[in-house]
């Protein structure tokens, strides 16, 4: 397989500084907005949804029901990944990214406008689940496209670094979600926040979606996909080919994400409810701790993308997975002291492991799957890794604490996920640099 002169010209233009900055900016802004929308739901689920949508249940049961609605979106993620992957491999990366952004925005604003149980009865939690499923459909297709746009536009030898930009959209989205919730809760009383204040972060999404749509509409299509289209080499059934020819790579990719996603959702959602309900700390304290964790996660994600270019994806993943696994028990031992400085230390160190297992992901996934089925491969793996990892982690963690009376049960749960990911890391094969470049661009 060789490059056409037109394709080579497109690839050369993709490395132009201005275009690359637009692509990276669009990926970063888009994923930040997408995951802001996703995470404000997680914050609301841990803080207010139990009382708003499940008032007939007692405190623990209402929280479990609330976390269950958080988890149902992960059921929709594979469907979103399959649909977006098929369209992304057939139609193009850019169009799918715009569509997923709009879908997430509409469903998020819908949650902000949704009447509570006291107003419309059982229809309220039903509609909440429907809107959460729509968020899941969007999230299932969003990440793969953003990751591929950044990696496929990136110059050789820097795909890990540029691929980390859509990755840091996740911790930035978490930081932004916690910051907005913190600000609203700080200027409202507990009663005001419970009645209407929690809706403000959801309604603010309309502004962010408008910005994200404008930014994404200005970027060019991936040069790798453009070349594929020019050669008329697109697959008619990319998912079927993926399952037939790349099963091993698919299993490895799913395994690489399980621990990161599980531990990430414990940071994103579980510690808020655990800190306020079990440790009796204020919601503003817990949101502040979550913001520090998000900053640590984001910083180490950027560094890990760069390190993976220098030292390899597998080695970076290995260090991060071992660090995360080793920290599972110290994390909750520090948390249970109720000492804010120690809790901050707990989330900062956790962010190191999260970053090193997230920064290389976009590049590593792109290097596992051939270009013609790549969007399907990365979206499918990301979605199923999320189901097995973080999908029901807050629910399971809440149940474990309730059944055992100790947070160390959650530490054991986290460690198990880290062992699964460690097996995937050890099975990951690193391609030599020249072979990796040819594979990513479709030149081999």
Protein backbone atom coordinates (compact mmCIF):
# COMPACT_ATOMS: atom_id res chain seq x y z
CA UNK A 1 0.00 0.00 0.00
CA UNK A 2 1.51 3.37 -1.03
CA UNK A 3 0.61 7.03 -0.74
CA UNK A 4 -0.74 8.87 -3.75
CA UNK A 5 0.82 12.27 -4.49
CA UNK A 6 -2.45 13.93 -3.47
CA UNK A 7 -2.50 12.01 -0.23
CA UNK A 8 1.09 12.92 0.52
CA UNK A 9 0.22 16.58 -0.01
CA UNK A 10 -2.71 16.26 2.37
CA UNK A 11 -0.54 14.61 4.97
CA UNK A 12 2.06 17.36 4.61
CA UNK A 13 -0.60 20.03 5.08
CA UNK A 14 -1.89 18.24 8.17
CA UNK A 15 1.48 18.87 9.81
CA UNK A 16 1.14 22.62 9.17
CA UNK A 17 1.29 24.39 12.54
CA UNK A 18 -1.92 26.37 12.11
CA UNK A 19 -4.02 23.44 11.03
CA UNK A 20 -2.56 21.19 13.72
CA UNK A 21 -3.37 23.79 16.38
CA UNK A 22 -6.96 24.01 15.13
CA UNK A 23 -7.35 20.24 15.20
CA UNK A 24 -5.83 19.89 18.66
CA UNK A 25 -7.89 22.82 19.94
CA UNK A 26 -11.08 21.38 18.50
CA UNK A 27 -10.39 17.98 20.03
CA UNK A 28 -9.57 19.48 23.41
CA UNK A 29 -12.52 21.89 23.48
CA UNK A 30 -14.94 19.27 22.21
CA UNK A 31 -13.96 16.55 24.66
CA UNK A 32 -13.89 19.06 27.53
CA UNK A 33 -17.45 20.09 26.78
CA UNK A 34 -18.60 16.54 26.16
CA UNK A 35 -17.18 15.32 29.45
CA UNK A 36 -18.26 18.39 31.37
CA UNK A 37 -21.80 17.41 30.39
CA UNK A 38 -21.13 13.81 31.37
CA UNK A 39 -19.56 14.69 34.73
CA UNK A 40 -22.10 17.23 35.92
CA UNK A 41 -24.53 14.33 35.75
CA UNK A 42 -22.16 12.26 37.91
CA UNK A 43 -21.89 15.10 40.45
CA UNK A 44 -25.64 15.61 40.54
CA UNK A 45 -26.19 11.86 40.89
CA UNK A 46 -23.99 11.77 43.98
CA UNK A 47 -25.41 14.97 45.54
CA UNK A 48 -29.08 15.57 44.63
CA UNK A 49 -30.71 13.09 42.23
CA UNK A 50 -31.66 10.66 44.98
CA UNK A 51 -33.98 13.19 46.61
CA UNK A 52 -35.15 14.76 43.35
CA UNK A 53 -36.09 11.63 41.42
CA UNK A 54 -36.34 8.83 44.01
CA UNK A 55 -37.92 10.48 47.09
CA UNK A 56 -39.90 7.38 48.08
CA UNK A 57 -36.68 5.44 48.80
CA UNK A 58 -34.56 5.76 51.94
CA UNK A 59 -31.17 7.49 51.80
CA UNK A 60 -28.95 4.58 50.76
CA UNK A 61 -31.50 3.06 48.39
CA UNK A 62 -32.09 6.44 46.73
CA UNK A 63 -28.34 6.90 46.26
CA UNK A 64 -28.03 3.42 44.77
CA UNK A 65 -30.90 4.17 42.36
CA UNK A 66 -29.23 7.45 41.44
CA UNK A 67 -25.92 5.72 40.74
CA UNK A 68 -27.80 3.10 38.72
CA UNK A 69 -29.02 5.84 36.35
CA UNK A 70 -25.39 6.94 36.09
CA UNK A 71 -24.45 3.42 35.08
CA UNK A 72 -27.17 2.88 32.45
CA UNK A 73 -25.43 5.28 30.09
CA UNK A 74 -22.59 2.78 29.84
CA UNK A 75 -25.05 0.26 28.40
CA UNK A 76 -25.67 2.70 25.56
CA UNK A 77 -21.99 3.42 24.98
CA UNK A 78 -21.27 0.32 22.86
CA UNK A 79 -24.26 1.15 20.65
CA UNK A 80 -22.99 4.69 20.24
CA UNK A 81 -19.51 3.36 19.60
CA UNK A 82 -20.72 0.89 16.98
CA UNK A 83 -22.84 3.47 15.12
CA UNK A 84 -20.23 6.22 15.33
CA UNK A 85 -17.44 3.79 14.45
CA UNK A 86 -19.28 2.59 11.34
CA UNK A 87 -20.05 6.14 10.22
CA UNK A 88 -16.57 7.36 11.14
CA UNK A 89 -14.94 4.65 9.03
CA UNK A 90 -17.43 5.15 6.18
CA UNK A 91 -18.31 8.87 6.15
CA UNK A 92 -15.48 10.52 8.05
CA UNK A 93 -14.28 11.54 11.50
CA UNK A 94 -15.34 15.19 11.43
CA UNK A 95 -19.07 14.81 10.73
CA UNK A 96 -19.49 12.23 13.48
CA UNK A 97 -17.73 14.46 16.00
CA UNK A 98 -20.10 17.35 15.33
CA UNK A 99 -23.13 15.05 15.64
CA UNK A 100 -22.00 13.53 18.96
CA UNK A 101 -21.36 16.98 20.43
CA UNK A 102 -24.87 18.16 19.55
CA UNK A 103 -26.48 14.99 20.91
CA UNK A 104 -24.67 15.37 24.23
CA UNK A 105 -25.66 19.02 24.48
CA UNK A 106 -29.34 18.42 23.77
CA UNK A 107 -29.62 15.58 26.29
CA UNK A 108 -27.72 17.56 28.96
CA UNK A 109 -29.96 20.61 28.62
CA UNK A 110 -32.91 18.22 28.78
CA UNK A 111 -31.78 17.01 32.21
CA UNK A 112 -31.55 20.62 33.39
CA UNK A 113 -35.16 21.25 32.30
CA UNK A 114 -36.58 17.93 33.52
CA UNK A 115 -39.28 18.26 36.24
CA UNK A 116 -38.63 16.31 39.43
CA UNK A 117 -40.65 13.38 40.82
CA UNK A 118 -42.84 15.70 42.90
CA UNK A 119 -44.08 17.36 39.70
CA UNK A 120 -44.65 14.52 37.22
CA UNK A 121 -44.30 11.37 39.31
CA UNK A 122 -42.72 8.22 37.92
CA UNK A 123 -42.28 9.85 34.50
CA UNK A 124 -39.40 11.88 36.01
CA UNK A 125 -36.97 9.00 36.66
CA UNK A 126 -38.02 7.33 33.40
CA UNK A 127 -37.18 10.44 31.38
CA UNK A 128 -33.98 10.85 33.37
CA UNK A 129 -32.89 7.38 32.27
CA UNK A 130 -33.81 8.15 28.63
CA UNK A 131 -31.71 11.33 28.66
CA UNK A 132 -28.84 9.50 30.31
CA UNK A 133 -29.00 6.83 27.61
CA UNK A 134 -28.69 9.58 24.99
CA UNK A 135 -25.64 10.89 26.81
CA UNK A 136 -24.21 7.38 26.68
CA UNK A 137 -24.80 7.13 22.94
CA UNK A 138 -22.92 10.38 22.45
CA UNK A 139 -20.05 9.48 24.77
CA UNK A 140 -19.68 6.12 23.03
CA UNK A 141 -18.87 7.79 19.73
CA UNK A 142 -17.19 10.99 20.86
CA UNK A 143 -13.85 9.85 22.20
CA UNK A 144 -12.83 7.69 19.26
CA UNK A 145 -13.28 10.49 16.76
CA UNK A 146 -11.50 13.11 18.85
CA UNK A 147 -8.60 10.76 19.52
CA UNK A 148 -8.20 9.82 15.86
CA UNK A 149 -8.37 13.40 14.63
CA UNK A 150 -5.49 14.35 16.93
CA UNK A 151 -3.37 11.26 16.32
CA UNK A 152 -3.91 11.08 12.55
CA UNK A 153 -3.08 14.79 12.11
CA UNK A 154 0.01 14.60 14.34
CA UNK A 155 3.57 14.56 12.95
CA UNK A 156 5.62 11.35 13.24
CA UNK A 157 7.16 10.73 16.63
CA UNK A 158 4.70 13.01 18.43
CA UNK A 159 1.45 11.07 18.19
CA UNK A 160 1.47 10.28 21.90
CA UNK A 161 1.85 13.95 22.81
CA UNK A 162 -0.83 15.26 20.44
CA UNK A 163 -3.06 12.30 21.24
CA UNK A 164 -3.01 13.36 24.89
CA UNK A 165 -4.92 16.59 24.15
CA UNK A 166 -8.35 14.98 23.78
CA UNK A 167 -7.42 12.94 26.86
CA UNK A 168 -6.96 15.98 29.07
CA UNK A 169 -10.45 17.07 28.05
CA UNK A 170 -11.65 14.47 30.57
CA UNK A 171 -9.93 15.87 33.69
CA UNK A 172 -10.57 19.43 32.49
CA UNK A 173 -14.25 18.55 32.07
CA UNK A 174 -14.21 17.08 35.57
CA UNK A 175 -12.50 20.20 36.93
CA UNK A 176 -14.99 22.47 35.18
CA UNK A 177 -17.97 20.41 36.37
CA UNK A 178 -16.77 20.47 39.98
CA UNK A 179 -15.95 24.18 39.75
CA UNK A 180 -19.42 25.07 38.47
CA UNK A 181 -21.13 22.90 41.09
CA UNK A 182 -18.86 24.39 43.77
CA UNK A 183 -19.71 27.93 42.67
CA UNK A 184 -23.45 27.32 42.56
CA UNK A 185 -23.51 25.55 45.93
CA UNK A 186 -21.43 28.35 47.46
CA UNK A 187 -23.94 31.08 46.49
CA UNK A 188 -27.14 29.15 47.28
CA UNK A 189 -28.57 27.70 50.44
CA UNK A 190 -28.90 23.92 50.73
CA UNK A 191 -32.63 24.23 50.03
CA UNK A 192 -32.11 26.47 46.99
CA UNK A 193 -29.45 24.17 45.61
CA UNK A 194 -31.73 21.14 46.02
CA UNK A 195 -34.74 22.88 44.44
CA UNK A 196 -33.19 24.66 41.45
CA UNK A 197 -29.49 25.40 41.89
CA UNK A 198 -28.35 21.99 40.61
CA UNK A 199 -30.01 22.76 37.25
CA UNK A 200 -27.71 25.72 36.46
CA UNK A 201 -24.65 23.62 35.46
CA UNK A 202 -26.82 21.64 33.03
CA UNK A 203 -28.36 24.74 31.44
CA UNK A 204 -24.96 26.43 31.07
CA UNK A 205 -24.11 23.65 28.63
CA UNK A 206 -25.94 25.53 25.87
CA UNK A 207 -23.16 28.15 25.78
CA UNK A 208 -20.41 25.54 25.77
CA UNK A 209 -22.05 23.54 23.00
CA UNK A 210 -22.28 26.64 20.78
CA UNK A 211 -18.56 27.28 21.28
CA UNK A 212 -17.66 23.65 20.64
CA UNK A 213 -19.76 23.48 17.46
CA UNK A 214 -18.07 26.60 16.08
CA UNK A 215 -14.58 25.29 16.82
CA UNK A 216 -15.17 21.80 15.43
CA UNK A 217 -16.84 23.04 12.25
CA UNK A 218 -13.61 24.84 11.26
CA UNK A 219 -11.22 21.87 11.25
CA UNK A 220 -10.37 19.73 8.25
CA UNK A 221 -10.99 16.01 7.93
CA UNK A 222 -8.30 13.57 9.07
CA UNK A 223 -5.66 13.26 6.31
CA UNK A 224 -5.46 9.51 6.89
CA UNK A 225 -9.19 9.11 6.29
CA UNK A 226 -9.08 11.50 3.32
CA UNK A 227 -6.45 9.30 1.72
CA UNK A 228 -8.50 6.21 2.43
CA UNK A 229 -11.50 7.81 0.74
CA UNK A 230 -9.40 8.92 -2.22
CA UNK A 231 -8.23 5.33 -2.75
CA UNK A 232 -11.84 4.09 -2.39
CA UNK A 233 -10.52 1.69 0.23
CA UNK A 234 -13.25 2.12 2.84
CA UNK A 235 -14.83 -1.04 4.27
CA UNK A 236 -18.52 -1.76 3.79
CA UNK A 237 -18.79 -3.49 7.18
CA UNK A 238 -15.92 -2.27 9.38
CA UNK A 239 -17.27 -3.77 12.61
CA UNK A 240 -17.65 -7.24 11.11
CA UNK A 241 -14.10 -7.06 9.78
CA UNK A 242 -12.86 -5.83 13.16
CA UNK A 243 -14.39 -8.80 14.98
CA UNK A 244 -13.08 -11.21 12.36
CA UNK A 245 -9.49 -9.99 12.06
CA UNK A 246 -8.54 -8.05 15.21
CA UNK A 247 -10.04 -9.88 18.16
CA UNK A 248 -6.76 -10.07 20.08
CA UNK A 249 -6.11 -6.34 19.68
CA UNK A 250 -9.68 -5.62 20.73
CA UNK A 251 -9.36 -7.62 23.96
CA UNK A 252 -6.06 -5.89 24.79
CA UNK A 253 -7.52 -2.45 24.12
CA UNK A 254 -10.53 -3.15 26.35
CA UNK A 255 -8.25 -4.39 29.12
CA UNK A 256 -6.00 -1.33 28.91
CA UNK A 257 -8.93 0.91 29.85
CA UNK A 258 -10.65 -1.05 32.63
CA UNK A 259 -8.57 0.09 35.61
CA UNK A 260 -8.27 3.69 34.46
CA UNK A 261 -12.00 4.03 33.94
CA UNK A 262 -12.95 2.33 37.20
CA UNK A 263 -10.53 4.34 39.33
CA UNK A 264 -11.48 7.49 37.42
CA UNK A 265 -15.17 7.08 38.22
CA UNK A 266 -14.42 6.46 41.87
CA UNK A 267 -12.66 9.85 41.82
CA UNK A 268 -15.38 11.44 39.69
CA UNK A 269 -18.51 10.24 41.47
CA UNK A 270 -18.02 7.92 44.43
CA UNK A 271 -15.79 10.02 46.68
CA UNK A 272 -18.33 12.88 46.65
CA UNK A 273 -21.06 10.73 48.16
CA UNK A 274 -18.63 8.82 50.39
CA UNK A 275 -17.14 12.04 51.76
CA UNK A 276 -20.48 13.72 52.45
CA UNK A 277 -22.49 10.73 53.67
CA UNK A 278 -19.92 8.55 55.42
CA UNK A 279 -17.16 10.96 56.44
CA UNK A 280 -19.66 13.81 57.10
CA UNK A 281 -17.66 16.40 55.19
CA UNK A 282 -19.29 19.27 53.30
CA UNK A 283 -20.05 19.01 49.60
CA UNK A 284 -17.87 22.06 48.90
CA UNK A 285 -14.92 20.35 50.61
CA UNK A 286 -15.40 17.22 48.55
CA UNK A 287 -15.82 19.18 45.31
CA UNK A 288 -12.60 21.06 46.10
CA UNK A 289 -10.74 17.79 46.66
CA UNK A 290 -12.15 16.47 43.39
CA UNK A 291 -10.88 19.56 41.57
CA UNK A 292 -7.34 19.02 42.89
CA UNK A 293 -7.53 15.40 41.75
CA UNK A 294 -8.67 16.53 38.30
CA UNK A 295 -5.72 18.94 37.99
CA UNK A 296 -3.27 16.19 38.96
CA UNK A 297 -4.88 13.80 36.49
CA UNK A 298 -4.69 16.37 33.70
CA UNK A 299 -1.05 17.35 34.30
CA UNK A 300 0.16 13.75 34.37
CA UNK A 301 -1.96 12.90 31.31
CA UNK A 302 -0.11 15.53 29.27
CA UNK A 303 3.25 14.40 30.58
CA UNK A 304 2.43 10.76 29.91
CA UNK A 305 1.57 11.44 26.27
CA UNK A 306 5.02 13.00 25.82
CA UNK A 307 6.74 10.25 27.81
CA UNK A 308 5.06 7.58 25.70
CA UNK A 309 6.69 9.10 22.59
CA UNK A 310 10.10 8.92 24.27
CA UNK A 311 9.89 5.68 26.26
CA UNK A 312 7.09 3.77 24.54
CA UNK A 313 3.38 3.24 25.18
CA UNK A 314 3.85 -0.09 26.94
CA UNK A 315 6.43 1.17 29.44
CA UNK A 316 4.36 4.25 30.29
CA UNK A 317 1.25 2.13 30.77
CA UNK A 318 3.20 -0.31 32.93
CA UNK A 319 4.49 2.35 35.33
CA UNK A 320 1.04 3.93 35.59
CA UNK A 321 -0.76 0.64 36.21
CA UNK A 322 1.69 -0.46 38.88
CA UNK A 323 1.50 2.95 40.57
CA UNK A 324 -2.29 2.93 40.55
CA UNK A 325 -2.48 -0.62 41.89
CA UNK A 326 0.02 0.12 44.66
CA UNK A 327 -1.98 3.18 45.72
CA UNK A 328 -5.42 1.55 46.04
CA UNK A 329 -5.16 0.79 49.78
CA UNK A 330 -3.15 3.88 50.85
CA UNK A 331 -5.73 5.99 48.99
CA UNK A 332 -8.64 5.10 51.25
CA UNK A 333 -6.48 4.84 54.38
CA UNK A 334 -5.59 8.50 53.84
CA UNK A 335 -9.15 9.42 52.89
CA UNK A 336 -10.61 7.92 56.04
CA UNK A 337 -8.48 10.21 58.24
CA UNK A 338 -10.83 13.08 57.28
CA UNK A 339 -7.72 15.26 57.17
CA UNK A 340 -8.01 17.52 54.12
CA UNK A 341 -4.22 17.72 53.48
CA UNK A 342 -3.98 13.92 53.55
CA UNK A 343 -7.02 13.57 51.33
CA UNK A 344 -5.45 16.00 48.87
CA UNK A 345 -2.27 13.93 48.88
CA UNK A 346 -4.40 10.84 48.18
CA UNK A 347 -6.01 12.30 45.04
CA UNK A 348 -2.78 13.89 43.77
CA UNK A 349 -0.91 10.58 43.82
CA UNK A 350 -3.94 8.82 42.35
CA UNK A 351 -3.82 11.37 39.52
CA UNK A 352 -0.29 10.20 38.68
CA UNK A 353 -1.47 6.64 37.98
CA UNK A 354 -4.57 7.85 36.18
CA UNK A 355 -2.53 10.17 33.96
CA UNK A 356 0.05 7.57 32.99
CA UNK A 357 -2.68 5.10 32.00
CA UNK A 358 -4.69 7.73 30.10
CA UNK A 359 -2.17 9.95 28.33
CA UNK A 360 -0.89 7.23 25.92
CA UNK A 361 -4.33 5.79 25.20
CA UNK A 362 -5.23 7.64 22.01
CA UNK A 363 -1.91 6.80 20.35
CA UNK A 364 -1.85 3.22 21.67
CA UNK A 365 -5.37 2.52 20.40
CA UNK A 366 -4.60 4.03 17.00
CA UNK A 367 -1.55 1.81 16.71
CA UNK A 368 -3.59 -1.33 17.41
CA UNK A 369 -6.12 -1.09 14.56
CA UNK A 370 -5.74 -0.66 10.76
CA UNK A 371 -6.95 2.65 9.39
CA UNK A 372 -10.00 1.24 7.57
CA UNK A 373 -11.54 -0.14 10.77
CA UNK A 374 -9.82 2.14 13.28
CA UNK A 375 -12.78 4.28 14.37
CA UNK A 376 -14.81 1.12 14.96
CA UNK A 377 -11.96 -0.48 16.87
CA UNK A 378 -11.14 2.39 19.20
CA UNK A 379 -14.80 3.23 19.88
CA UNK A 380 -15.78 -0.38 20.54
CA UNK A 381 -12.81 -0.94 22.88
CA UNK A 382 -13.34 2.33 24.73
CA UNK A 383 -17.05 1.66 25.25
CA UNK A 384 -16.66 -1.91 26.50
CA UNK A 385 -13.69 -0.97 28.66
CA UNK A 386 -15.91 1.67 30.24
CA UNK A 387 -18.70 -0.82 30.92
CA UNK A 388 -16.35 -3.31 32.57
CA UNK A 389 -14.46 -0.55 34.37
CA UNK A 390 -16.31 2.54 35.52
CA UNK A 391 -19.86 1.90 34.36
CA UNK A 392 -21.17 0.70 37.69
CA UNK A 393 -18.12 1.45 39.87
CA UNK A 394 -19.90 4.07 42.06
CA UNK A 395 -22.85 1.71 42.52
CA UNK A 396 -20.65 -1.29 43.35
CA UNK A 397 -18.45 0.82 45.65
CA UNK A 398 -21.47 2.14 47.56
CA UNK A 399 -22.78 -1.41 47.94
CA UNK A 400 -19.38 -2.70 49.11
CA UNK A 401 -19.10 -0.05 51.81
CA UNK A 402 -22.68 -0.75 52.91
CA UNK A 403 -22.11 -4.51 53.10
CA UNK A 404 -18.64 -4.54 54.67
CA UNK A 405 -18.61 -1.29 56.60
CA UNK A 406 -15.14 -0.43 55.33
CA UNK A 407 -13.74 1.51 52.39
CA UNK A 408 -10.93 -1.04 52.09
CA UNK A 409 -13.40 -3.28 50.25
CA UNK A 410 -13.40 -0.61 47.53
CA UNK A 411 -9.59 -0.68 47.56
CA UNK A 412 -9.71 -4.40 46.84
CA UNK A 413 -12.16 -3.76 44.01
CA UNK A 414 -9.80 -1.17 42.51
CA UNK A 415 -6.82 -3.51 42.85
CA UNK A 416 -8.65 -6.26 40.98
CA UNK A 417 -9.24 -3.90 38.05
CA UNK A 418 -5.56 -2.91 38.08
CA UNK A 419 -4.54 -6.57 37.81
CA UNK A 420 -6.79 -7.01 34.77
CA UNK A 421 -5.22 -3.98 33.10
CA UNK A 422 -1.73 -5.18 34.03
CA UNK A 423 -2.39 -8.39 32.09
CA UNK A 424 -3.42 -6.33 29.05
CA UNK A 425 -0.31 -4.15 29.32
CA UNK A 426 1.94 -7.20 29.43
CA UNK A 427 0.20 -8.56 26.32
CA UNK A 428 0.64 -5.27 24.42
CA UNK A 429 3.22 -5.44 21.62
CA UNK A 430 5.14 -2.27 20.81
CA UNK A 431 5.83 -1.70 17.10
CA UNK A 432 9.20 -0.28 15.99
CA UNK A 433 8.97 3.44 15.16
CA UNK A 434 9.09 3.11 11.36
CA UNK A 435 6.60 0.26 11.32
CA UNK A 436 4.30 2.15 13.71
CA UNK A 437 4.31 5.25 11.49
CA UNK A 438 3.51 3.24 8.36
CA UNK A 439 0.72 1.42 10.17
CA UNK A 440 -0.93 4.57 11.55
CA UNK A 441 -0.91 6.34 8.17
CA UNK A 442 -2.00 3.25 6.27
CA UNK A 443 1.20 3.21 4.20
CA UNK A 444 2.18 -0.38 4.86
